[in-house]
Amino acid sequence: MITERTGLPLSIGISAANTHDSQGLEPLVRGIPPIRSRRGPRRRRPAKLHGDKGYDYDHLRKWLRSRNITPRLARRNIESSQKLGRHRWTVERTVAWLSGCRRLHRRYERKAEHFLAFAGIAVSLICFRRLGG
């Protein structure tokens, strides 16, 4: 899941339990819809992307830079993960909101597309509640 600064989900996806998180970064970034702006053209992508050490790969950094996204990824064996804490808590809070949905707490659905549909409904409800609905 990719969230914006305040924790609203921008893009969600599901994967198998045994796949690494870094493999899902590119489809999630591609799945971000155009963002409406009061002034100027629509933004097609975020300016920065914060991530933990699981996303520290050269090919991901190059791919993000090719799309004019500044990667703010913690480097393995160099930086502490605690610097990302102020950005990471918004994602953790959004995941906690998702875990409050009973149907998503355990995967009751057999088909992945059904589970993704329920996750989309849950994200829509989170956005509706957060934006004052």
N, C-alpha and C. Protein backbone atom coordinates (compact mmCIF):
# COMPACT_ATOMS: atom_id res chain seq x y z
N MET A 1 0.84 -1.17 0.00
CA MET A 1 0.00 0.00 0.00
C MET A 1 0.89 1.24 0.00
N ILE A 2 0.53 2.19 -0.81
CA ILE A 2 1.21 3.48 -0.84
C ILE A 2 0.23 4.52 -0.32
N THR A 3 0.68 5.31 0.66
CA THR A 3 -0.18 6.34 1.23
C THR A 3 0.44 7.71 0.99
N GLU A 4 -0.41 8.72 1.07
CA GLU A 4 0.12 10.08 0.99
C GLU A 4 0.53 10.52 2.39
N ARG A 5 0.96 11.73 2.53
CA ARG A 5 1.57 12.21 3.76
C ARG A 5 0.69 12.06 5.00
N THR A 6 -0.62 12.24 4.86
CA THR A 6 -1.50 12.16 6.02
C THR A 6 -2.04 10.76 6.26
N GLY A 7 -1.73 9.81 5.41
CA GLY A 7 -2.14 8.44 5.63
C GLY A 7 -3.27 7.96 4.76
N LEU A 8 -3.74 8.78 3.83
CA LEU A 8 -4.78 8.31 2.91
C LEU A 8 -4.16 7.38 1.88
N PRO A 9 -4.74 6.21 1.68
CA PRO A 9 -4.17 5.27 0.71
C PRO A 9 -4.31 5.78 -0.71
N LEU A 10 -3.23 5.72 -1.47
CA LEU A 10 -3.23 6.11 -2.88
C LEU A 10 -3.31 4.91 -3.80
N SER A 11 -2.67 3.82 -3.39
CA SER A 11 -2.62 2.63 -4.23
C SER A 11 -2.50 1.41 -3.33
N ILE A 12 -3.26 0.36 -3.64
CA ILE A 12 -3.18 -0.87 -2.85
C ILE A 12 -2.94 -2.04 -3.79
N GLY A 13 -2.43 -3.10 -3.23
CA GLY A 13 -2.20 -4.32 -3.98
C GLY A 13 -2.05 -5.48 -3.03
N ILE A 14 -2.21 -6.66 -3.53
CA ILE A 14 -2.01 -7.86 -2.72
C ILE A 14 -0.99 -8.74 -3.43
N SER A 15 -0.32 -9.56 -2.64
CA SER A 15 0.67 -10.47 -3.20
C SER A 15 0.68 -11.75 -2.38
N ALA A 16 1.40 -12.72 -2.86
CA ALA A 16 1.55 -13.96 -2.13
C ALA A 16 2.35 -13.71 -0.86
N ALA A 17 2.21 -14.60 0.09
CA ALA A 17 2.86 -14.41 1.38
C ALA A 17 4.38 -14.54 1.28
N ASN A 18 4.88 -15.25 0.31
CA ASN A 18 6.31 -15.50 0.24
C ASN A 18 7.04 -14.63 -0.78
N THR A 19 6.45 -13.51 -1.20
CA THR A 19 7.13 -12.60 -2.11
C THR A 19 7.67 -11.41 -1.33
N HIS A 20 8.78 -10.89 -1.78
CA HIS A 20 9.42 -9.77 -1.11
C HIS A 20 8.67 -8.48 -1.44
N ASP A 21 8.63 -7.57 -0.47
CA ASP A 21 7.91 -6.31 -0.65
C ASP A 21 8.45 -5.48 -1.80
N SER A 22 9.75 -5.58 -2.06
CA SER A 22 10.35 -4.76 -3.11
C SER A 22 9.81 -5.11 -4.49
N GLN A 23 9.29 -6.32 -4.67
CA GLN A 23 8.75 -6.72 -5.97
C GLN A 23 7.42 -6.04 -6.27
N GLY A 24 6.75 -5.55 -5.25
CA GLY A 24 5.47 -4.90 -5.46
C GLY A 24 5.55 -3.39 -5.57
N LEU A 25 6.73 -2.82 -5.46
CA LEU A 25 6.85 -1.36 -5.47
C LEU A 25 6.48 -0.76 -6.83
N GLU A 26 7.01 -1.31 -7.90
CA GLU A 26 6.73 -0.74 -9.22
C GLU A 26 5.24 -0.78 -9.58
N PRO A 27 4.53 -1.91 -9.40
CA PRO A 27 3.10 -1.89 -9.72
C PRO A 27 2.30 -0.92 -8.84
N LEU A 28 2.70 -0.76 -7.59
CA LEU A 28 1.99 0.17 -6.72
C LEU A 28 2.20 1.61 -7.15
N VAL A 29 3.42 1.96 -7.53
CA VAL A 29 3.69 3.33 -7.97
C VAL A 29 2.98 3.60 -9.30
N ARG A 30 2.96 2.60 -10.19
CA ARG A 30 2.24 2.78 -11.46
C ARG A 30 0.74 2.91 -11.24
N GLY A 31 0.23 2.34 -10.16
CA GLY A 31 -1.20 2.36 -9.89
C GLY A 31 -1.71 3.64 -9.24
N ILE A 32 -0.83 4.60 -8.95
CA ILE A 32 -1.27 5.85 -8.34
C ILE A 32 -2.04 6.65 -9.38
N PRO A 33 -3.28 7.02 -9.08
CA PRO A 33 -4.07 7.79 -10.07
C PRO A 33 -3.59 9.23 -10.14
N PRO A 34 -3.94 9.95 -11.22
CA PRO A 34 -3.58 11.38 -11.30
C PRO A 34 -4.22 12.15 -10.15
N ILE A 35 -3.47 13.05 -9.57
CA ILE A 35 -3.92 13.82 -8.42
C ILE A 35 -4.37 15.19 -8.89
N ARG A 36 -5.60 15.53 -8.57
CA ARG A 36 -6.11 16.86 -8.95
C ARG A 36 -5.45 17.93 -8.12
N SER A 37 -5.22 19.04 -8.75
CA SER A 37 -4.59 20.17 -8.08
C SER A 37 -5.44 21.41 -8.34
N ARG A 38 -5.47 22.30 -7.38
CA ARG A 38 -6.24 23.53 -7.56
C ARG A 38 -5.59 24.43 -8.60
N ARG A 39 -4.28 24.36 -8.64
CA ARG A 39 -3.54 25.17 -9.62
C ARG A 39 -2.64 24.25 -10.43
N GLY A 40 -2.51 24.56 -11.68
CA GLY A 40 -1.58 23.84 -12.52
C GLY A 40 -2.12 22.50 -13.01
N PRO A 41 -1.30 21.77 -13.73
CA PRO A 41 -1.73 20.48 -14.28
C PRO A 41 -1.81 19.41 -13.18
N ARG A 42 -2.46 18.31 -13.51
CA ARG A 42 -2.56 17.20 -12.57
C ARG A 42 -1.19 16.57 -12.37
N ARG A 43 -0.93 16.22 -11.13
CA ARG A 43 0.32 15.51 -10.82
C ARG A 43 0.12 14.03 -11.10
N ARG A 44 1.04 13.44 -11.81
CA ARG A 44 0.94 12.03 -12.15
C ARG A 44 1.68 11.13 -11.17
N ARG A 45 2.58 11.70 -10.39
CA ARG A 45 3.37 10.89 -9.46
C ARG A 45 3.79 11.74 -8.28
N PRO A 46 4.14 11.09 -7.19
CA PRO A 46 4.60 11.85 -6.02
C PRO A 46 5.98 12.43 -6.26
N ALA A 47 6.34 13.43 -5.46
CA ALA A 47 7.67 14.02 -5.58
C ALA A 47 8.72 13.17 -4.86
N LYS A 48 8.34 12.58 -3.71
CA LYS A 48 9.26 11.75 -2.92
C LYS A 48 8.57 10.46 -2.54
N LEU A 49 9.39 9.45 -2.28
CA LEU A 49 8.87 8.18 -1.81
C LEU A 49 9.73 7.72 -0.65
N HIS A 50 9.14 7.58 0.53
CA HIS A 50 9.86 7.10 1.71
C HIS A 50 9.65 5.60 1.83
N GLY A 51 10.72 4.89 2.17
CA GLY A 51 10.63 3.44 2.34
C GLY A 51 11.68 2.94 3.29
N ASP A 52 11.46 1.75 3.81
CA ASP A 52 12.42 1.18 4.75
C ASP A 52 13.50 0.41 4.00
N LYS A 53 14.31 -0.33 4.74
CA LYS A 53 15.47 -1.00 4.16
C LYS A 53 15.10 -2.13 3.20
N GLY A 54 13.87 -2.58 3.26
CA GLY A 54 13.43 -3.64 2.35
C GLY A 54 13.37 -3.21 0.90
N TYR A 55 13.36 -1.91 0.66
CA TYR A 55 13.28 -1.38 -0.70
C TYR A 55 14.62 -0.83 -1.18
N ASP A 56 15.69 -1.07 -0.46
CA ASP A 56 17.01 -0.53 -0.80
C ASP A 56 17.69 -1.41 -1.86
N TYR A 57 17.34 -1.16 -3.10
CA TYR A 57 17.96 -1.84 -4.24
C TYR A 57 18.28 -0.79 -5.29
N ASP A 58 19.42 -0.96 -5.94
CA ASP A 58 19.85 0.01 -6.95
C ASP A 58 18.86 0.12 -8.10
N HIS A 59 18.30 -1.01 -8.54
CA HIS A 59 17.38 -0.95 -9.69
C HIS A 59 16.10 -0.20 -9.32
N LEU A 60 15.65 -0.29 -8.06
CA LEU A 60 14.47 0.46 -7.64
C LEU A 60 14.77 1.96 -7.55
N ARG A 61 15.96 2.29 -7.02
CA ARG A 61 16.35 3.70 -6.95
C ARG A 61 16.44 4.31 -8.35
N LYS A 62 17.05 3.58 -9.29
CA LYS A 62 17.16 4.08 -10.67
C LYS A 62 15.78 4.22 -11.32
N TRP A 63 14.91 3.24 -11.07
CA TRP A 63 13.58 3.30 -11.65
C TRP A 63 12.80 4.49 -11.10
N LEU A 64 12.90 4.74 -9.80
CA LEU A 64 12.21 5.90 -9.22
C LEU A 64 12.75 7.20 -9.77
N ARG A 65 14.07 7.30 -9.89
CA ARG A 65 14.67 8.53 -10.43
C ARG A 65 14.29 8.73 -11.90
N SER A 66 14.15 7.65 -12.66
CA SER A 66 13.74 7.79 -14.06
C SER A 66 12.32 8.34 -14.17
N ARG A 67 11.52 8.17 -13.13
CA ARG A 67 10.16 8.70 -13.10
C ARG A 67 10.08 10.02 -12.34
N ASN A 68 11.24 10.64 -12.08
CA ASN A 68 11.34 11.93 -11.36
C ASN A 68 10.75 11.87 -9.96
N ILE A 69 10.96 10.75 -9.29
CA ILE A 69 10.56 10.58 -7.89
C ILE A 69 11.84 10.45 -7.07
N THR A 70 11.97 11.29 -6.06
CA THR A 70 13.15 11.24 -5.21
C THR A 70 13.01 10.09 -4.22
N PRO A 71 13.90 9.08 -4.29
CA PRO A 71 13.80 7.97 -3.35
C PRO A 71 14.40 8.35 -1.99
N ARG A 72 13.62 8.20 -0.95
CA ARG A 72 14.07 8.40 0.43
C ARG A 72 14.03 7.05 1.12
N LEU A 73 14.95 6.18 0.72
CA LEU A 73 14.98 4.81 1.22
C LEU A 73 16.16 4.64 2.16
N ALA A 74 15.91 4.00 3.29
CA ALA A 74 16.99 3.73 4.24
C ALA A 74 17.95 2.74 3.61
N ARG A 75 19.22 2.98 3.78
CA ARG A 75 20.24 2.11 3.19
C ARG A 75 20.63 1.01 4.17
N ARG A 76 20.72 -0.20 3.66
CA ARG A 76 21.09 -1.34 4.49
C ARG A 76 22.52 -1.20 4.98
N ASN A 77 22.76 -1.58 6.21
CA ASN A 77 24.07 -1.59 6.86
C ASN A 77 24.71 -0.21 6.97
N ILE A 78 23.97 0.86 6.70
CA ILE A 78 24.52 2.22 6.79
C ILE A 78 23.67 3.08 7.71
N GLU A 79 22.36 3.15 7.43
CA GLU A 79 21.49 4.03 8.18
C GLU A 79 20.61 3.27 9.16
N SER A 80 20.17 3.98 10.16
CA SER A 80 19.25 3.42 11.14
C SER A 80 17.82 3.51 10.61
N SER A 81 16.99 2.54 10.94
CA SER A 81 15.59 2.56 10.52
C SER A 81 14.78 3.57 11.31
N GLN A 82 15.33 4.10 12.38
CA GLN A 82 14.58 4.99 13.25
C GLN A 82 14.35 6.36 12.63
N LYS A 83 15.15 6.74 11.63
CA LYS A 83 14.94 8.04 10.98
C LYS A 83 13.62 8.09 10.23
N LEU A 84 13.15 6.94 9.75
CA LEU A 84 11.91 6.91 8.99
C LEU A 84 10.68 6.87 9.88
N GLY A 85 10.86 6.85 11.18
CA GLY A 85 9.74 6.70 12.10
C GLY A 85 8.66 7.75 11.94
N ARG A 86 9.05 8.99 11.69
CA ARG A 86 8.05 10.04 11.57
C ARG A 86 7.22 9.92 10.30
N HIS A 87 7.74 9.23 9.29
CA HIS A 87 6.99 9.02 8.05
C HIS A 87 6.29 7.67 8.06
N ARG A 88 6.87 6.72 8.77
CA ARG A 88 6.36 5.37 8.76
C ARG A 88 5.09 5.20 9.60
N TRP A 89 4.92 5.99 10.62
CA TRP A 89 3.76 5.80 11.50
C TRP A 89 2.45 6.06 10.78
N THR A 90 2.45 6.90 9.75
CA THR A 90 1.21 7.13 9.01
C THR A 90 0.79 5.88 8.25
N VAL A 91 1.76 5.16 7.70
CA VAL A 91 1.45 3.91 7.00
C VAL A 91 0.98 2.86 8.00
N GLU A 92 1.66 2.77 9.14
CA GLU A 92 1.27 1.80 10.16
C GLU A 92 -0.13 2.10 10.68
N ARG A 93 -0.49 3.35 10.81
CA ARG A 93 -1.83 3.72 11.26
C ARG A 93 -2.87 3.30 10.23
N THR A 94 -2.57 3.51 8.96
CA THR A 94 -3.51 3.12 7.91
C THR A 94 -3.68 1.60 7.87
N VAL A 95 -2.60 0.86 8.07
CA VAL A 95 -2.70 -0.60 8.13
C VAL A 95 -3.55 -1.01 9.33
N ALA A 96 -3.42 -0.29 10.43
CA ALA A 96 -4.26 -0.58 11.59
C ALA A 96 -5.73 -0.32 11.28
N TRP A 97 -6.02 0.73 10.52
CA TRP A 97 -7.41 0.99 10.11
C TRP A 97 -7.91 -0.16 9.25
N LEU A 98 -7.07 -0.67 8.36
CA LEU A 98 -7.48 -1.79 7.52
C LEU A 98 -7.69 -3.06 8.34
N SER A 99 -6.89 -3.27 9.36
CA SER A 99 -7.05 -4.47 10.17
C SER A 99 -8.31 -4.41 11.02
N GLY A 100 -8.90 -3.23 11.13
CA GLY A 100 -10.17 -3.10 11.83
C GLY A 100 -11.33 -3.65 11.03
N CYS A 101 -11.13 -3.87 9.75
CA CYS A 101 -12.18 -4.46 8.92
C CYS A 101 -12.14 -5.97 9.11
N ARG A 102 -13.22 -6.50 9.60
CA ARG A 102 -13.25 -7.91 10.00
C ARG A 102 -12.96 -8.85 8.84
N ARG A 103 -13.45 -8.51 7.67
CA ARG A 103 -13.27 -9.37 6.51
C ARG A 103 -11.81 -9.42 6.06
N LEU A 104 -11.05 -8.39 6.38
CA LEU A 104 -9.65 -8.34 5.95
C LEU A 104 -8.70 -8.84 7.03
N HIS A 105 -9.20 -8.98 8.25
CA HIS A 105 -8.31 -9.39 9.34
C HIS A 105 -7.71 -10.76 9.05
N ARG A 106 -8.55 -11.68 8.67
CA ARG A 106 -8.08 -12.97 8.16
C ARG A 106 -8.59 -13.08 6.74
N ARG A 107 -7.85 -13.74 5.93
CA ARG A 107 -8.25 -13.83 4.52
C ARG A 107 -9.33 -14.91 4.37
N TYR A 108 -10.58 -14.47 4.37
CA TYR A 108 -11.69 -15.40 4.24
C TYR A 108 -11.95 -15.77 2.78
N GLU A 109 -11.59 -14.91 1.86
CA GLU A 109 -11.88 -15.14 0.46
C GLU A 109 -10.85 -16.07 -0.15
N ARG A 110 -11.31 -16.97 -1.00
CA ARG A 110 -10.39 -17.89 -1.66
C ARG A 110 -9.71 -17.27 -2.86
N LYS A 111 -10.45 -16.44 -3.58
CA LYS A 111 -9.90 -15.84 -4.79
C LYS A 111 -9.26 -14.50 -4.48
N ALA A 112 -8.12 -14.25 -5.10
CA ALA A 112 -7.37 -13.02 -4.85
C ALA A 112 -8.14 -11.79 -5.30
N GLU A 113 -8.88 -11.89 -6.42
CA GLU A 113 -9.61 -10.73 -6.91
C GLU A 113 -10.75 -10.34 -5.98
N HIS A 114 -11.34 -11.32 -5.29
CA HIS A 114 -12.38 -11.01 -4.31
C HIS A 114 -11.78 -10.29 -3.10
N PHE A 115 -10.64 -10.79 -2.64
CA PHE A 115 -9.97 -10.15 -1.50
C PHE A 115 -9.55 -8.73 -1.85
N LEU A 116 -9.04 -8.54 -3.07
CA LEU A 116 -8.63 -7.20 -3.51
C LEU A 116 -9.84 -6.27 -3.60
N ALA A 117 -10.99 -6.80 -4.01
CA ALA A 117 -12.20 -5.99 -4.07
C ALA A 117 -12.62 -5.54 -2.66
N PHE A 118 -12.57 -6.45 -1.70
CA PHE A 118 -12.91 -6.07 -0.32
C PHE A 118 -11.90 -5.07 0.25
N ALA A 119 -10.63 -5.24 -0.11
CA ALA A 119 -9.62 -4.27 0.33
C ALA A 119 -9.90 -2.90 -0.29
N GLY A 120 -10.32 -2.87 -1.54
CA GLY A 120 -10.68 -1.61 -2.18
C GLY A 120 -11.86 -0.94 -1.52
N ILE A 121 -12.85 -1.72 -1.13
CA ILE A 121 -14.00 -1.17 -0.41
C ILE A 121 -13.56 -0.61 0.94
N ALA A 122 -12.70 -1.34 1.64
CA ALA A 122 -12.21 -0.87 2.94
C ALA A 122 -11.42 0.43 2.79
N VAL A 123 -10.59 0.52 1.77
CA VAL A 123 -9.82 1.75 1.53
C VAL A 123 -10.75 2.90 1.19
N SER A 124 -11.80 2.62 0.41
CA SER A 124 -12.78 3.66 0.08
C SER A 124 -13.47 4.17 1.34
N LEU A 125 -13.82 3.27 2.24
CA LEU A 125 -14.44 3.68 3.50
C LEU A 125 -13.49 4.51 4.36
N ILE A 126 -12.21 4.12 4.38
CA ILE A 126 -11.21 4.89 5.13
C ILE A 126 -11.12 6.30 4.58
N CYS A 127 -11.04 6.42 3.26
CA CYS A 127 -10.96 7.76 2.64
C CYS A 127 -12.22 8.57 2.92
N PHE A 128 -13.39 7.94 2.85
CA PHE A 128 -14.65 8.62 3.09
C PHE A 128 -14.72 9.15 4.52
N ARG A 129 -14.34 8.30 5.48
CA ARG A 129 -14.36 8.73 6.89
C ARG A 129 -13.33 9.81 7.15
N ARG A 130 -12.16 9.66 6.56
CA ARG A 130 -11.06 10.61 6.82
C ARG A 130 -11.32 11.98 6.20
N LEU A 131 -12.01 11.98 5.07
CA LEU A 131 -12.25 13.25 4.39
C LEU A 131 -13.54 13.94 4.86
N GLY A 132 -14.14 13.41 5.91
CA GLY A 132 -15.26 14.11 6.54
C GLY A 132 -16.62 13.66 6.09
N GLY A 133 -16.77 12.41 5.70
CA GLY A 133 -18.06 11.92 5.25
C GLY A 133 -18.94 11.44 6.35
